[in-house]
């Protein structure tokens, strides 16, 4: 199991409680800060996720850990008739609802506050499920992935976009310097929450990626598991089915 990393190092509270508080606190400037931190490349990664999902021609999509709804909004391009963006943070969802309303996508996208490890849906409910930069925030990774497996239809596609660590020189060294020195500094300067971006860096470094995450997905029961490193390996797109 991956090492447990929490935003506030508060042993009296669960990881999910701390994660919800953290994202509530940074929700107002999360989108802008995200573009700065990733140099805007995360937009390109999300487009790739959408294209992978679109190939399966889904009608009903669940975007877990949707945050402010960027991926859920992009997934409207798949032609799906129902998209649910689910997140534990009320603050992030509120920002997302405003974006969805502005884009007049209310009839397609619903934003739901719920726990990703206890999804409020019946078995075999969704044609496609996505998670972008969210699985490392699960309190119990295997439980969260098992819940996703449960509500995904047989033959449905599951796509994860998550940070990973480059393995080749000099990208590995450059990534380590940026993630441990620069990223937390940017977070401290621009965010109200000094702990938030240190947590995002630490959780990324401790999270299983590549073959390690592939093996966990297979253990849960997923098949056709593949990982596709992006931009020198600083992120990875994982695809799987049921």
C-alpha atoms as a PDB file:
ATOM      1  CA  UNK A   1       0.000   0.000   0.000  1.00  0.00           C
ATOM      2  CA  UNK A   2       1.201   3.548  -0.733  1.00  0.00           C
ATOM      3  CA  UNK A   3       2.474   5.602   2.175  1.00  0.00           C
ATOM      4  CA  UNK A   4      -0.291   7.694   3.747  1.00  0.00           C
ATOM      5  CA  UNK A   5       0.302  11.378   2.999  1.00  0.00           C
ATOM      6  CA  UNK A   6      -2.140  13.937   4.414  1.00  0.00           C
ATOM      7  CA  UNK A   7      -2.391  17.717   3.886  1.00  0.00           C
ATOM      8  CA  UNK A   8      -2.267  18.812   7.520  1.00  0.00           C
ATOM      9  CA  UNK A   9      -0.487  15.927   9.266  1.00  0.00           C
ATOM     10  CA  UNK A  10      -3.415  15.789  11.712  1.00  0.00           C
ATOM     11  CA  UNK A  11      -3.704  12.228  13.005  1.00  0.00           C
ATOM     12  CA  UNK A  12      -7.013  12.990  14.725  1.00  0.00           C
ATOM     13  CA  UNK A  13      -8.762  13.425  11.349  1.00  0.00           C
ATOM     14  CA  UNK A  14      -9.087  11.140   8.343  1.00  0.00           C
ATOM     15  CA  UNK A  15      -7.271  11.864   5.103  1.00  0.00           C
ATOM     16  CA  UNK A  16     -10.556  12.516   3.280  1.00  0.00           C
ATOM     17  CA  UNK A  17     -11.583  15.134   5.868  1.00  0.00           C
ATOM     18  CA  UNK A  18      -8.257  16.910   5.445  1.00  0.00           C
ATOM     19  CA  UNK A  19      -8.388  16.677   1.646  1.00  0.00           C
ATOM     20  CA  UNK A  20     -11.917  18.137   1.596  1.00  0.00           C
ATOM     21  CA  UNK A  21     -10.815  21.062   3.795  1.00  0.00           C
ATOM     22  CA  UNK A  22      -7.728  21.673   1.685  1.00  0.00           C
ATOM     23  CA  UNK A  23      -9.629  21.813  -1.600  1.00  0.00           C
ATOM     24  CA  UNK A  24     -12.390  23.945  -0.072  1.00  0.00           C
ATOM     25  CA  UNK A  25      -9.691  26.426   0.961  1.00  0.00           C
ATOM     26  CA  UNK A  26      -7.880  26.618  -2.398  1.00  0.00           C
ATOM     27  CA  UNK A  27     -10.934  26.229  -4.660  1.00  0.00           C
ATOM     28  CA  UNK A  28     -11.117  29.921  -5.573  1.00  0.00           C
ATOM     29  CA  UNK A  29      -7.692  30.071  -7.225  1.00  0.00           C
ATOM     30  CA  UNK A  30      -7.180  26.392  -8.019  1.00  0.00           C
ATOM     31  CA  UNK A  31      -7.798  26.620 -11.780  1.00  0.00           C
ATOM     32  CA  UNK A  32      -5.458  29.539 -12.407  1.00  0.00           C
ATOM     33  CA  UNK A  33      -2.730  28.137 -10.202  1.00  0.00           C
ATOM     34  CA  UNK A  34      -3.040  24.756 -11.890  1.00  0.00           C
ATOM     35  CA  UNK A  35      -2.407  26.286 -15.322  1.00  0.00           C
ATOM     36  CA  UNK A  36       0.705  28.040 -13.972  1.00  0.00           C
ATOM     37  CA  UNK A  37       2.077  24.967 -12.205  1.00  0.00           C
ATOM     38  CA  UNK A  38       1.629  22.645 -15.200  1.00  0.00           C
ATOM     39  CA  UNK A  39       2.563  25.322 -17.782  1.00  0.00           C
ATOM     40  CA  UNK A  40      -0.861  24.659 -19.307  1.00  0.00           C
ATOM     41  CA  UNK A  41       0.095  21.146 -20.426  1.00  0.00           C
ATOM     42  CA  UNK A  42      -2.689  19.613 -18.294  1.00  0.00           C
ATOM     43  CA  UNK A  43      -5.184  20.947 -20.867  1.00  0.00           C
ATOM     44  CA  UNK A  44      -3.540  18.789 -23.542  1.00  0.00           C
ATOM     45  CA  UNK A  45      -3.566  15.730 -21.260  1.00  0.00           C
ATOM     46  CA  UNK A  46      -7.293  16.118 -20.583  1.00  0.00           C
ATOM     47  CA  UNK A  47      -8.002  16.297 -24.317  1.00  0.00           C
ATOM     48  CA  UNK A  48      -6.284  12.929 -24.717  1.00  0.00           C
ATOM     49  CA  UNK A  49      -8.499  11.468 -21.972  1.00  0.00           C
ATOM     50  CA  UNK A  50     -11.602  12.802 -23.732  1.00  0.00           C
ATOM     51  CA  UNK A  51     -10.516  11.270 -27.052  1.00  0.00           C
ATOM     52  CA  UNK A  52      -9.984   7.876 -25.401  1.00  0.00           C
ATOM     53  CA  UNK A  53     -13.420   7.989 -23.776  1.00  0.00           C
ATOM     54  CA  UNK A  54     -15.111   9.235 -26.959  1.00  0.00           C
ATOM     55  CA  UNK A  55     -14.014   6.111 -28.854  1.00  0.00           C
ATOM     56  CA  UNK A  56     -16.285   3.999 -26.622  1.00  0.00           C
ATOM     57  CA  UNK A  57     -19.345   6.142 -27.510  1.00  0.00           C
ATOM     58  CA  UNK A  58     -20.571   6.415 -23.888  1.00  0.00           C
ATOM     59  CA  UNK A  59     -24.055   7.607 -22.903  1.00  0.00           C
ATOM     60  CA  UNK A  60     -23.466   7.952 -19.153  1.00  0.00           C
ATOM     61  CA  UNK A  61     -20.115   9.113 -17.712  1.00  0.00           C
ATOM     62  CA  UNK A  62     -18.875   9.536 -14.141  1.00  0.00           C
ATOM     63  CA  UNK A  63     -15.940  11.872 -13.474  1.00  0.00           C
ATOM     64  CA  UNK A  64     -14.634  11.026  -9.996  1.00  0.00           C
ATOM     65  CA  UNK A  65     -12.750  13.701  -8.016  1.00  0.00           C
ATOM     66  CA  UNK A  66     -14.029  16.172 -10.595  1.00  0.00           C
ATOM     67  CA  UNK A  67     -12.792  19.235  -8.691  1.00  0.00           C
ATOM     68  CA  UNK A  68     -13.937  22.350 -10.537  1.00  0.00           C
ATOM     69  CA  UNK A  69     -15.254  20.238 -13.391  1.00  0.00           C
ATOM     70  CA  UNK A  70     -12.656  20.832 -16.109  1.00  0.00           C
ATOM     71  CA  UNK A  71     -12.651  17.232 -17.306  1.00  0.00           C
ATOM     72  CA  UNK A  72     -16.427  16.842 -16.917  1.00  0.00           C
ATOM     73  CA  UNK A  73     -16.910  19.902 -19.125  1.00  0.00           C
ATOM     74  CA  UNK A  74     -14.476  18.559 -21.722  1.00  0.00           C
ATOM     75  CA  UNK A  75     -16.254  15.193 -21.670  1.00  0.00           C
ATOM     76  CA  UNK A  76     -19.383  16.892 -23.031  1.00  0.00           C
ATOM     77  CA  UNK A  77     -17.597  16.638 -26.397  1.00  0.00           C
ATOM     78  CA  UNK A  78     -17.997  12.849 -26.321  1.00  0.00           C
ATOM     79  CA  UNK A  79     -21.709  13.136 -27.114  1.00  0.00           C
ATOM     80  CA  UNK A  80     -22.707  11.609 -23.769  1.00  0.00           C
ATOM     81  CA  UNK A  81     -26.241  12.475 -22.625  1.00  0.00           C
ATOM     82  CA  UNK A  82     -25.447  12.364 -18.891  1.00  0.00           C
ATOM     83  CA  UNK A  83     -22.213  13.356 -17.154  1.00  0.00           C
ATOM     84  CA  UNK A  84     -21.855  13.351 -13.375  1.00  0.00           C
ATOM     85  CA  UNK A  85     -18.955  15.185 -11.760  1.00  0.00           C
ATOM     86  CA  UNK A  86     -18.424  13.843  -8.247  1.00  0.00           C
ATOM     87  CA  UNK A  87     -16.206  15.334  -5.556  1.00  0.00           C
ATOM     88  CA  UNK A  88     -15.863  15.469  -1.776  1.00  0.00           C
ATOM     89  CA  UNK A  89     -15.155  19.233  -1.745  1.00  0.00           C
ATOM     90  CA  UNK A  90     -18.186  21.538  -1.731  1.00  0.00           C
ATOM     91  CA  UNK A  91     -15.957  24.521  -2.530  1.00  0.00           C
ATOM     92  CA  UNK A  92     -14.531  22.958  -5.690  1.00  0.00           C
ATOM     93  CA  UNK A  93     -17.993  21.833  -6.816  1.00  0.00           C
ATOM     94  CA  UNK A  94     -19.382  25.356  -6.378  1.00  0.00           C
ATOM     95  CA  UNK A  95     -16.722  26.752  -8.709  1.00  0.00           C
ATOM     96  CA  UNK A  96     -17.517  23.955 -11.162  1.00  0.00           C
ATOM     97  CA  UNK A  97     -21.268  24.611 -11.076  1.00  0.00           C
ATOM     98  CA  UNK A  98     -20.692  28.233 -12.018  1.00  0.00           C
ATOM     99  CA  UNK A  99     -18.472  27.204 -14.950  1.00  0.00           C
ATOM    100  CA  UNK A 100     -21.051  24.688 -16.154  1.00  0.00           C
ATOM    101  CA  UNK A 101     -23.859  27.243 -15.909  1.00  0.00           C
ATOM    102  CA  UNK A 102     -21.809  29.800 -17.865  1.00  0.00           C
ATOM    103  CA  UNK A 103     -21.201  27.235 -20.603  1.00  0.00           C
ATOM    104  CA  UNK A 104     -24.919  26.273 -20.596  1.00  0.00           C
ATOM    105  CA  UNK A 105     -24.159  22.603 -19.923  1.00  0.00           C
ATOM    106  CA  UNK A 106     -26.552  22.230 -16.949  1.00  0.00           C
ATOM    107  CA  UNK A 107     -28.776  19.832 -18.890  1.00  0.00           C
ATOM    108  CA  UNK A 108     -25.902  17.380 -19.427  1.00  0.00           C
ATOM    109  CA  UNK A 109     -23.572  17.790 -16.421  1.00  0.00           C
ATOM    110  CA  UNK A 110     -24.572  17.354 -12.766  1.00  0.00           C
ATOM    111  CA  UNK A 111     -22.183  18.109  -9.914  1.00  0.00           C
ATOM    112  CA  UNK A 112     -22.557  15.786  -6.918  1.00  0.00           C
ATOM    113  CA  UNK A 113     -20.898  15.944  -3.507  1.00  0.00           C
ATOM    114  CA  UNK A 114     -20.062  12.409  -2.395  1.00  0.00           C
ATOM    115  CA  UNK A 115     -17.273  10.138  -1.190  1.00  0.00           C
ATOM    116  CA  UNK A 116     -15.438   8.377  -4.019  1.00  0.00           C
ATOM    117  CA  UNK A 117     -14.988   5.342  -1.781  1.00  0.00           C
ATOM    118  CA  UNK A 118     -18.761   5.009  -1.260  1.00  0.00           C
ATOM    119  CA  UNK A 119     -20.304   5.873  -4.617  1.00  0.00           C
ATOM    120  CA  UNK A 120     -24.087   6.449  -4.443  1.00  0.00           C
ATOM    121  CA  UNK A 121     -24.834   4.454  -7.603  1.00  0.00           C
ATOM    122  CA  UNK A 122     -25.909   0.920  -8.419  1.00  0.00           C
ATOM    123  CA  UNK A 123     -23.692  -1.706 -10.014  1.00  0.00           C
ATOM    124  CA  UNK A 124     -22.944  -1.521 -13.742  1.00  0.00           C
ATOM    125  CA  UNK A 125     -24.366   2.010 -13.995  1.00  0.00           C
ATOM    126  CA  UNK A 126     -21.792   3.945 -16.053  1.00  0.00           C
ATOM    127  CA  UNK A 127     -20.472   3.417 -19.582  1.00  0.00           C
ATOM    128  CA  UNK A 128     -17.262   5.296 -18.780  1.00  0.00           C
ATOM    129  CA  UNK A 129     -15.514   6.568 -15.651  1.00  0.00           C
ATOM    130  CA  UNK A 130     -12.630   9.017 -15.416  1.00  0.00           C
ATOM    131  CA  UNK A 131     -10.387  10.375 -12.654  1.00  0.00           C
ATOM    132  CA  UNK A 132      -7.980  13.246 -13.324  1.00  0.00           C
ATOM    133  CA  UNK A 133      -5.416  13.963 -10.595  1.00  0.00           C
ATOM    134  CA  UNK A 134      -7.663  12.441  -7.953  1.00  0.00           C
ATOM    135  CA  UNK A 135      -6.777   8.825  -7.194  1.00  0.00           C
ATOM    136  CA  UNK A 136      -3.823   9.838  -5.051  1.00  0.00           C
ATOM    137  CA  UNK A 137      -6.269  11.667  -2.774  1.00  0.00           C
ATOM    138  CA  UNK A 138      -8.240   8.507  -1.974  1.00  0.00           C
ATOM    139  CA  UNK A 139      -8.056   7.512   1.687  1.00  0.00           C
ATOM    140  CA  UNK A 140      -8.046   3.842   0.681  1.00  0.00           C
ATOM    141  CA  UNK A 141      -6.865   3.444  -2.910  1.00  0.00           C
ATOM    142  CA  UNK A 142      -8.078  -0.125  -3.409  1.00  0.00           C
ATOM    143  CA  UNK A 143     -11.483   0.619  -1.913  1.00  0.00           C
ATOM    144  CA  UNK A 144     -11.930   3.624  -4.204  1.00  0.00           C
ATOM    145  CA  UNK A 145     -10.896   1.644  -7.269  1.00  0.00           C
ATOM    146  CA  UNK A 146     -13.170  -1.239  -6.233  1.00  0.00           C
ATOM    147  CA  UNK A 147     -16.112   1.168  -6.031  1.00  0.00           C
ATOM    148  CA  UNK A 148     -15.313   2.432  -9.530  1.00  0.00           C
ATOM    149  CA  UNK A 149     -15.136  -1.170 -10.754  1.00  0.00           C
ATOM    150  CA  UNK A 150     -18.519  -1.899  -9.149  1.00  0.00           C
ATOM    151  CA  UNK A 151     -20.416   0.937 -10.853  1.00  0.00           C
ATOM    152  CA  UNK A 152     -18.732   0.533 -14.262  1.00  0.00           C
ATOM    153  CA  UNK A 153     -20.628  -1.507 -16.849  1.00  0.00           C
ATOM    154  CA  UNK A 154     -18.973  -4.638 -18.256  1.00  0.00           C
ATOM    155  CA  UNK A 155     -17.092  -3.500 -21.341  1.00  0.00           C
ATOM    156  CA  UNK A 156     -17.003   0.085 -20.036  1.00  0.00           C
ATOM    157  CA  UNK A 157     -13.814   2.142 -20.124  1.00  0.00           C
ATOM    158  CA  UNK A 158     -11.982   3.505 -17.083  1.00  0.00           C
ATOM    159  CA  UNK A 159      -9.368   6.228 -17.622  1.00  0.00           C
ATOM    160  CA  UNK A 160      -7.040   7.705 -14.994  1.00  0.00           C
ATOM    161  CA  UNK A 161      -4.874  10.792 -15.524  1.00  0.00           C
ATOM    162  CA  UNK A 162      -2.392  11.135 -12.696  1.00  0.00           C
ATOM    163  CA  UNK A 163       1.006  12.592 -11.941  1.00  0.00           C
ATOM    164  CA  UNK A 164       3.977  10.254 -12.112  1.00  0.00           C
ATOM    165  CA  UNK A 165       7.750  10.530 -11.815  1.00  0.00           C
ATOM    166  CA  UNK A 166      10.076  10.572 -14.829  1.00  0.00           C
ATOM    167  CA  UNK A 167      12.574   7.722 -14.787  1.00  0.00           C
ATOM    168  CA  UNK A 168      15.133   9.021 -17.282  1.00  0.00           C
ATOM    169  CA  UNK A 169      17.933  11.539 -16.745  1.00  0.00           C
ATOM    170  CA  UNK A 170      17.788  14.576 -16.783  1.00  0.00           C
ATOM    171  CA  UNK A 171      13.984  14.684 -16.529  1.00  0.00           C
ATOM    172  CA  UNK A 172      13.994  12.758 -13.254  1.00  0.00           C
ATOM    173  CA  UNK A 173      16.312  15.270 -11.555  1.00  0.00           C
ATOM    174  CA  UNK A 174      14.506  18.249 -13.053  1.00  0.00           C
ATOM    175  CA  UNK A 175      11.146  16.957 -11.907  1.00  0.00           C
ATOM    176  CA  UNK A 176      12.409  16.321  -8.379  1.00  0.00           C
ATOM    177  CA  UNK A 177      13.759  19.875  -8.092  1.00  0.00           C
ATOM    178  CA  UNK A 178      10.595  21.434  -9.506  1.00  0.00           C
ATOM    179  CA  UNK A 179       8.176  19.362  -7.415  1.00  0.00           C
ATOM    180  CA  UNK A 180      10.025  19.722  -4.090  1.00  0.00           C
ATOM    181  CA  UNK A 181      11.317  23.311  -4.363  1.00  0.00           C
ATOM    182  CA  UNK A 182       9.403  25.323  -6.965  1.00  0.00           C
ATOM    183  CA  UNK A 183       5.873  23.913  -6.707  1.00  0.00           C
ATOM    184  CA  UNK A 184       5.488  24.405  -2.918  1.00  0.00           C
ATOM    185  CA  UNK A 185       6.978  27.917  -3.282  1.00  0.00           C
ATOM    186  CA  UNK A 186       4.410  28.868  -5.945  1.00  0.00           C
ATOM    187  CA  UNK A 187       1.697  27.465  -3.713  1.00  0.00           C
ATOM    188  CA  UNK A 188       2.863  29.484  -0.712  1.00  0.00           C
ATOM    189  CA  UNK A 189       3.006  32.698  -2.731  1.00  0.00           C
ATOM    190  CA  UNK A 190      -0.354  32.412  -4.478  1.00  0.00           C
ATOM    191  CA  UNK A 191      -2.453  30.161  -2.243  1.00  0.00           C
ATOM    192  CA  UNK A 192      -4.147  30.881   1.074  1.00  0.00           C
ATOM    193  CA  UNK A 193      -3.201  27.387   2.213  1.00  0.00           C
ATOM    194  CA  UNK A 194       0.542  26.912   2.745  1.00  0.00           C
ATOM    195  CA  UNK A 195       0.158  23.159   3.242  1.00  0.00           C
ATOM    196  CA  UNK A 196      -1.821  22.459   0.085  1.00  0.00           C
ATOM    197  CA  UNK A 197       0.853  22.489  -2.568  1.00  0.00           C
ATOM    198  CA  UNK A 198       3.393  20.778  -0.361  1.00  0.00           C
ATOM    199  CA  UNK A 199       0.819  18.005   0.043  1.00  0.00           C
ATOM    200  CA  UNK A 200       0.219  17.808  -3.720  1.00  0.00           C
ATOM    201  CA  UNK A 201       3.960  17.415  -4.258  1.00  0.00           C
ATOM    202  CA  UNK A 202       4.451  14.855  -1.458  1.00  0.00           C
ATOM    203  CA  UNK A 203       1.411  12.783  -2.444  1.00  0.00           C
ATOM    204  CA  UNK A 204       2.571  12.633  -6.059  1.00  0.00           C
ATOM    205  CA  UNK A 205       6.020  11.408  -4.996  1.00  0.00           C
ATOM    206  CA  UNK A 206       4.584   8.681  -2.735  1.00  0.00           C
ATOM    207  CA  UNK A 207       1.885   7.434  -5.109  1.00  0.00           C
ATOM    208  CA  UNK A 208       2.382   4.166  -7.062  1.00  0.00           C
ATOM    209  CA  UNK A 209       2.652   4.777 -10.798  1.00  0.00           C
ATOM    210  CA  UNK A 210       3.291   2.844 -13.996  1.00  0.00           C
ATOM    211  CA  UNK A 211       3.434  -0.909 -13.513  1.00  0.00           C
ATOM    212  CA  UNK A 212       2.735  -0.591  -9.767  1.00  0.00           C
ATOM    213  CA  UNK A 213      -0.646   1.031 -10.401  1.00  0.00           C
ATOM    214  CA  UNK A 214      -1.319  -1.337 -13.303  1.00  0.00           C
ATOM    215  CA  UNK A 215      -0.924  -4.260 -10.896  1.00  0.00           C
ATOM    216  CA  UNK A 216      -3.353  -2.731  -8.392  1.00  0.00           C
ATOM    217  CA  UNK A 217      -5.950  -2.221 -11.144  1.00  0.00           C
ATOM    218  CA  UNK A 218      -5.531  -5.849 -12.239  1.00  0.00           C
ATOM    219  CA  UNK A 219      -5.871  -7.014  -8.631  1.00  0.00           C
ATOM    220  CA  UNK A 220      -9.218  -5.178  -8.397  1.00  0.00           C
ATOM    221  CA  UNK A 221     -10.411  -7.048 -11.489  1.00  0.00           C
ATOM    222  CA  UNK A 222      -9.819  -4.631 -14.345  1.00  0.00           C
ATOM    223  CA  UNK A 223      -8.613  -6.050 -17.670  1.00  0.00           C
ATOM    224  CA  UNK A 224      -6.836  -4.582 -20.710  1.00  0.00           C
ATOM    225  CA  UNK A 225      -4.828  -2.350 -18.357  1.00  0.00           C
ATOM    226  CA  UNK A 226      -2.358  -0.020 -20.068  1.00  0.00           C
ATOM    227  CA  UNK A 227      -0.278   2.983 -19.011  1.00  0.00           C
ATOM    228  CA  UNK A 228       0.740   5.793 -21.346  1.00  0.00           C
ATOM    229  CA  UNK A 229       3.381   8.179 -19.912  1.00  0.00           C
ATOM    230  CA  UNK A 230       2.941  11.839 -20.917  1.00  0.00           C
ATOM    231  CA  UNK A 231       5.470  14.669 -21.293  1.00  0.00           C
ATOM    232  CA  UNK A 232       8.658  12.800 -20.296  1.00  0.00           C
ATOM    233  CA  UNK A 233       6.719  10.872 -17.648  1.00  0.00           C
ATOM    234  CA  UNK A 234       5.526  13.739 -15.422  1.00  0.00           C
ATOM    235  CA  UNK A 235       1.992  12.389 -15.868  1.00  0.00           C
ATOM    236  CA  UNK A 236       0.529   9.079 -16.992  1.00  0.00           C
ATOM    237  CA  UNK A 237      -2.773   8.115 -18.591  1.00  0.00           C
ATOM    238  CA  UNK A 238      -4.034   4.677 -17.561  1.00  0.00           C
ATOM    239  CA  UNK A 239      -6.789   2.840 -19.427  1.00  0.00           C
ATOM    240  CA  UNK A 240      -8.664  -0.246 -18.267  1.00  0.00           C
ATOM    241  CA  UNK A 241     -11.970  -1.992 -18.776  1.00  0.00           C
ATOM    242  CA  UNK A 242     -14.293  -4.377 -16.951  1.00  0.00           C
END
